[in-house]
């Protein structure tokens, strides 16, 4: 791989990208796949991206929210509402210390899950994919991310024309 990178000139970015893709997949450069950008298909539009973050440490969630909003600003994504509930979700389990007897000797375990919600508005499909991949790759340990996107679509042809007059 290093030999390929050393032999390429940086003044020819198309040759550089095709050489990387052909060496990574062991496919000849003549049969490389055409990307979705060159296919002529219009990019999808999304009105909203809702992200839910779950974690056990609220400070980590706050820090990651700052990271995601900063990344969105650099990509030119419109930031919506970012909020978190005041209280964490508590889950308690009570177990017996002993295996068979001594029912009065118990131990309690508690898990607190903190939530954080972020909304982003007016995204294109390529920007959304790039943004989601970037923030998923930088997700800290102990944090779960759930994303829901709302796509904009055209009205069907039978609904676009006004109804005939009766």
C-alpha atoms as a PDB file:
ATOM      1  CA  UNK A   1       0.000   0.000   0.000  1.00  0.00           C
ATOM      2  CA  UNK A   2       2.815   2.404   0.856  1.00  0.00           C
ATOM      3  CA  UNK A   3       4.518   1.677  -2.468  1.00  0.00           C
ATOM      4  CA  UNK A   4       1.332   2.626  -4.296  1.00  0.00           C
ATOM      5  CA  UNK A   5       1.034   5.871  -2.341  1.00  0.00           C
ATOM      6  CA  UNK A   6       4.676   6.777  -2.989  1.00  0.00           C
ATOM      7  CA  UNK A   7       4.384   6.137  -6.729  1.00  0.00           C
ATOM      8  CA  UNK A   8       1.319   8.355  -7.165  1.00  0.00           C
ATOM      9  CA  UNK A   9       1.416  12.080  -7.711  1.00  0.00           C
ATOM     10  CA  UNK A  10      -0.817  14.238  -5.558  1.00  0.00           C
ATOM     11  CA  UNK A  11      -1.522  16.517  -8.530  1.00  0.00           C
ATOM     12  CA  UNK A  12      -3.830  13.848 -10.029  1.00  0.00           C
ATOM     13  CA  UNK A  13      -6.566  13.203  -7.422  1.00  0.00           C
ATOM     14  CA  UNK A  14      -8.707  11.027  -9.740  1.00  0.00           C
ATOM     15  CA  UNK A  15      -5.835   8.658 -10.398  1.00  0.00           C
ATOM     16  CA  UNK A  16      -5.031   8.624  -6.675  1.00  0.00           C
ATOM     17  CA  UNK A  17      -8.601   7.693  -5.688  1.00  0.00           C
ATOM     18  CA  UNK A  18      -8.941   5.003  -8.356  1.00  0.00           C
ATOM     19  CA  UNK A  19      -5.598   3.454  -7.393  1.00  0.00           C
ATOM     20  CA  UNK A  20      -6.640   3.302  -3.738  1.00  0.00           C
ATOM     21  CA  UNK A  21      -9.982   1.686  -4.531  1.00  0.00           C
ATOM     22  CA  UNK A  22      -8.461  -0.847  -6.914  1.00  0.00           C
ATOM     23  CA  UNK A  23      -5.718  -1.901  -4.478  1.00  0.00           C
ATOM     24  CA  UNK A  24      -8.088  -2.142  -1.530  1.00  0.00           C
ATOM     25  CA  UNK A  25     -10.559  -4.410  -3.320  1.00  0.00           C
ATOM     26  CA  UNK A  26      -8.170  -6.138  -5.774  1.00  0.00           C
ATOM     27  CA  UNK A  27     -10.272  -5.038  -8.758  1.00  0.00           C
ATOM     28  CA  UNK A  28      -8.647  -3.698 -11.922  1.00  0.00           C
ATOM     29  CA  UNK A  29      -8.931   0.073 -12.253  1.00  0.00           C
ATOM     30  CA  UNK A  30     -10.963  -0.179 -15.462  1.00  0.00           C
ATOM     31  CA  UNK A  31     -13.916  -1.849 -13.694  1.00  0.00           C
ATOM     32  CA  UNK A  32     -14.215   0.486 -10.713  1.00  0.00           C
ATOM     33  CA  UNK A  33     -17.751   1.279  -9.552  1.00  0.00           C
ATOM     34  CA  UNK A  34     -19.241   4.667 -10.323  1.00  0.00           C
ATOM     35  CA  UNK A  35     -20.183   6.626  -7.221  1.00  0.00           C
ATOM     36  CA  UNK A  36     -23.740   7.845  -6.528  1.00  0.00           C
ATOM     37  CA  UNK A  37     -22.699  11.450  -7.169  1.00  0.00           C
ATOM     38  CA  UNK A  38     -21.792  10.737 -10.803  1.00  0.00           C
ATOM     39  CA  UNK A  39     -24.935   8.717 -11.543  1.00  0.00           C
ATOM     40  CA  UNK A  40     -27.111  11.794 -12.131  1.00  0.00           C
ATOM     41  CA  UNK A  41     -29.708  10.845  -9.504  1.00  0.00           C
ATOM     42  CA  UNK A  42     -30.992  13.761  -7.415  1.00  0.00           C
ATOM     43  CA  UNK A  43     -29.897  13.797  -3.798  1.00  0.00           C
ATOM     44  CA  UNK A  44     -32.536  13.008  -1.172  1.00  0.00           C
ATOM     45  CA  UNK A  45     -33.753  15.784   1.093  1.00  0.00           C
ATOM     46  CA  UNK A  46     -34.419  15.360   4.802  1.00  0.00           C
ATOM     47  CA  UNK A  47     -36.432  17.810   6.863  1.00  0.00           C
ATOM     48  CA  UNK A  48     -35.249  16.612  10.261  1.00  0.00           C
ATOM     49  CA  UNK A  49     -32.709  14.345  11.949  1.00  0.00           C
ATOM     50  CA  UNK A  50     -33.520  13.395  15.531  1.00  0.00           C
ATOM     51  CA  UNK A  51     -30.707  11.921  17.627  1.00  0.00           C
ATOM     52  CA  UNK A  52     -31.220  10.284  21.012  1.00  0.00           C
ATOM     53  CA  UNK A  53     -28.164   9.668  23.194  1.00  0.00           C
ATOM     54  CA  UNK A  54     -28.172   7.359  26.214  1.00  0.00           C
ATOM     55  CA  UNK A  55     -25.407   7.015  28.730  1.00  0.00           C
ATOM     56  CA  UNK A  56     -24.572   6.613  32.387  1.00  0.00           C
ATOM     57  CA  UNK A  57     -22.413   9.732  32.741  1.00  0.00           C
ATOM     58  CA  UNK A  58     -24.136  13.091  32.083  1.00  0.00           C
ATOM     59  CA  UNK A  59     -20.808  14.913  31.662  1.00  0.00           C
ATOM     60  CA  UNK A  60     -19.830  12.616  28.780  1.00  0.00           C
ATOM     61  CA  UNK A  61     -23.210  13.214  27.143  1.00  0.00           C
ATOM     62  CA  UNK A  62     -22.795  16.996  27.448  1.00  0.00           C
ATOM     63  CA  UNK A  63     -19.306  16.816  25.958  1.00  0.00           C
ATOM     64  CA  UNK A  64     -20.464  14.635  23.073  1.00  0.00           C
ATOM     65  CA  UNK A  65     -23.412  16.966  22.402  1.00  0.00           C
ATOM     66  CA  UNK A  66     -20.951  19.847  22.113  1.00  0.00           C
ATOM     67  CA  UNK A  67     -18.823  17.762  19.712  1.00  0.00           C
ATOM     68  CA  UNK A  68     -21.816  16.851  17.499  1.00  0.00           C
ATOM     69  CA  UNK A  69     -23.150  20.421  17.357  1.00  0.00           C
ATOM     70  CA  UNK A  70     -19.690  21.755  16.473  1.00  0.00           C
ATOM     71  CA  UNK A  71     -19.388  19.170  13.690  1.00  0.00           C
ATOM     72  CA  UNK A  72     -22.833  20.186  12.406  1.00  0.00           C
ATOM     73  CA  UNK A  73     -21.793  23.857  12.335  1.00  0.00           C
ATOM     74  CA  UNK A  74     -18.701  23.005  10.283  1.00  0.00           C
ATOM     75  CA  UNK A  75     -20.826  21.071   7.787  1.00  0.00           C
ATOM     76  CA  UNK A  76     -23.392  23.867   7.569  1.00  0.00           C
ATOM     77  CA  UNK A  77     -26.239  21.895   9.145  1.00  0.00           C
ATOM     78  CA  UNK A  78     -29.004  23.872  10.811  1.00  0.00           C
ATOM     79  CA  UNK A  79     -29.155  23.055  14.516  1.00  0.00           C
ATOM     80  CA  UNK A  80     -32.540  22.577  16.139  1.00  0.00           C
ATOM     81  CA  UNK A  81     -33.423  22.014  19.764  1.00  0.00           C
ATOM     82  CA  UNK A  82     -30.964  20.196  22.080  1.00  0.00           C
ATOM     83  CA  UNK A  83     -32.338  19.150  25.438  1.00  0.00           C
ATOM     84  CA  UNK A  84     -32.239  16.542  28.172  1.00  0.00           C
ATOM     85  CA  UNK A  85     -34.746  15.533  30.856  1.00  0.00           C
ATOM     86  CA  UNK A  86     -33.953  16.725  34.360  1.00  0.00           C
ATOM     87  CA  UNK A  87     -34.057  13.293  35.960  1.00  0.00           C
ATOM     88  CA  UNK A  88     -32.359  10.115  34.886  1.00  0.00           C
ATOM     89  CA  UNK A  89     -34.203   6.860  34.380  1.00  0.00           C
ATOM     90  CA  UNK A  90     -33.631   4.611  37.440  1.00  0.00           C
ATOM     91  CA  UNK A  91     -33.668   0.853  37.213  1.00  0.00           C
ATOM     92  CA  UNK A  92     -33.325  -1.000  40.522  1.00  0.00           C
ATOM     93  CA  UNK A  93     -32.787  -4.695  41.144  1.00  0.00           C
ATOM     94  CA  UNK A  94     -33.010  -6.405  44.530  1.00  0.00           C
ATOM     95  CA  UNK A  95     -31.207  -9.717  44.982  1.00  0.00           C
ATOM     96  CA  UNK A  96     -30.761 -12.089  47.888  1.00  0.00           C
ATOM     97  CA  UNK A  97     -27.230 -12.226  49.267  1.00  0.00           C
ATOM     98  CA  UNK A  98     -27.652 -15.865  50.162  1.00  0.00           C
ATOM     99  CA  UNK A  99     -28.480 -18.617  47.700  1.00  0.00           C
ATOM    100  CA  UNK A 100     -31.185 -20.476  49.650  1.00  0.00           C
ATOM    101  CA  UNK A 101     -32.078 -18.888  52.992  1.00  0.00           C
ATOM    102  CA  UNK A 102     -31.771 -15.629  54.952  1.00  0.00           C
ATOM    103  CA  UNK A 103     -34.439 -13.770  53.056  1.00  0.00           C
ATOM    104  CA  UNK A 104     -33.943 -10.595  55.060  1.00  0.00           C
ATOM    105  CA  UNK A 105     -30.360 -10.176  53.772  1.00  0.00           C
ATOM    106  CA  UNK A 106     -30.703  -8.469  50.418  1.00  0.00           C
ATOM    107  CA  UNK A 107     -28.588  -6.301  48.185  1.00  0.00           C
ATOM    108  CA  UNK A 108     -29.858  -3.567  45.822  1.00  0.00           C
ATOM    109  CA  UNK A 109     -28.292  -2.511  42.532  1.00  0.00           C
ATOM    110  CA  UNK A 110     -29.251   0.617  40.618  1.00  0.00           C
ATOM    111  CA  UNK A 111     -28.583   1.713  37.054  1.00  0.00           C
ATOM    112  CA  UNK A 112     -29.165   5.350  36.117  1.00  0.00           C
ATOM    113  CA  UNK A 113     -29.537   6.117  32.428  1.00  0.00           C
ATOM    114  CA  UNK A 114     -29.270   9.724  31.301  1.00  0.00           C
ATOM    115  CA  UNK A 115     -30.795  10.877  28.009  1.00  0.00           C
ATOM    116  CA  UNK A 116     -29.894  13.687  25.623  1.00  0.00           C
ATOM    117  CA  UNK A 117     -31.844  14.683  22.509  1.00  0.00           C
ATOM    118  CA  UNK A 118     -30.647  16.711  19.499  1.00  0.00           C
ATOM    119  CA  UNK A 119     -32.511  17.882  16.390  1.00  0.00           C
ATOM    120  CA  UNK A 120     -30.973  18.966  13.085  1.00  0.00           C
ATOM    121  CA  UNK A 121     -32.982  20.483  10.217  1.00  0.00           C
ATOM    122  CA  UNK A 122     -32.770  20.820   6.413  1.00  0.00           C
ATOM    123  CA  UNK A 123     -30.219  18.185   5.378  1.00  0.00           C
ATOM    124  CA  UNK A 124     -29.294  16.597   2.072  1.00  0.00           C
ATOM    125  CA  UNK A 125     -28.686  12.866   1.822  1.00  0.00           C
ATOM    126  CA  UNK A 126     -24.935  13.093   1.283  1.00  0.00           C
ATOM    127  CA  UNK A 127     -24.481  15.587   4.139  1.00  0.00           C
ATOM    128  CA  UNK A 128     -26.611  13.437   6.435  1.00  0.00           C
ATOM    129  CA  UNK A 129     -24.621  10.280   5.631  1.00  0.00           C
ATOM    130  CA  UNK A 130     -21.313  12.066   6.179  1.00  0.00           C
ATOM    131  CA  UNK A 131     -22.451  13.644   9.435  1.00  0.00           C
ATOM    132  CA  UNK A 132     -23.902  10.410  10.861  1.00  0.00           C
ATOM    133  CA  UNK A 133     -20.825   8.375   9.957  1.00  0.00           C
ATOM    134  CA  UNK A 134     -18.544  10.985  11.537  1.00  0.00           C
ATOM    135  CA  UNK A 135     -20.415  11.210  14.830  1.00  0.00           C
ATOM    136  CA  UNK A 136     -20.902   7.420  15.032  1.00  0.00           C
ATOM    137  CA  UNK A 137     -17.186   6.801  14.584  1.00  0.00           C
ATOM    138  CA  UNK A 138     -16.391   9.229  17.413  1.00  0.00           C
ATOM    139  CA  UNK A 139     -19.005   7.874  19.806  1.00  0.00           C
ATOM    140  CA  UNK A 140     -17.472   7.503  23.308  1.00  0.00           C
ATOM    141  CA  UNK A 141     -17.662   4.304  25.329  1.00  0.00           C
ATOM    142  CA  UNK A 142     -20.813   3.809  27.333  1.00  0.00           C
ATOM    143  CA  UNK A 143     -22.944   5.987  25.046  1.00  0.00           C
ATOM    144  CA  UNK A 144     -25.652   4.664  22.742  1.00  0.00           C
ATOM    145  CA  UNK A 145     -26.926   6.625  19.755  1.00  0.00           C
ATOM    146  CA  UNK A 146     -30.280   6.258  18.031  1.00  0.00           C
ATOM    147  CA  UNK A 147     -31.038   8.338  14.926  1.00  0.00           C
ATOM    148  CA  UNK A 148     -34.377   8.910  13.193  1.00  0.00           C
ATOM    149  CA  UNK A 149     -34.540  10.827   9.921  1.00  0.00           C
ATOM    150  CA  UNK A 150     -37.573  12.358   8.229  1.00  0.00           C
ATOM    151  CA  UNK A 151     -37.336  12.348   4.426  1.00  0.00           C
ATOM    152  CA  UNK A 152     -39.095  14.822   2.149  1.00  0.00           C
ATOM    153  CA  UNK A 153     -40.815  13.293  -0.889  1.00  0.00           C
ATOM    154  CA  UNK A 154     -42.778  14.655  -3.810  1.00  0.00           C
ATOM    155  CA  UNK A 155     -46.522  14.311  -3.927  1.00  0.00           C
ATOM    156  CA  UNK A 156     -47.763  11.515  -6.188  1.00  0.00           C
ATOM    157  CA  UNK A 157     -48.881  12.566  -9.678  1.00  0.00           C
ATOM    158  CA  UNK A 158     -52.573  11.892  -8.971  1.00  0.00           C
ATOM    159  CA  UNK A 159     -52.494  14.346  -6.057  1.00  0.00           C
ATOM    160  CA  UNK A 160     -50.582  17.150  -7.802  1.00  0.00           C
ATOM    161  CA  UNK A 161     -53.294  18.085 -10.318  1.00  0.00           C
ATOM    162  CA  UNK A 162     -56.356  19.894  -9.050  1.00  0.00           C
ATOM    163  CA  UNK A 163     -59.572  17.863  -9.112  1.00  0.00           C
ATOM    164  CA  UNK A 164     -61.880  18.307 -12.074  1.00  0.00           C
ATOM    165  CA  UNK A 165     -64.857  20.561 -11.527  1.00  0.00           C
ATOM    166  CA  UNK A 166     -68.159  18.799 -11.040  1.00  0.00           C
END
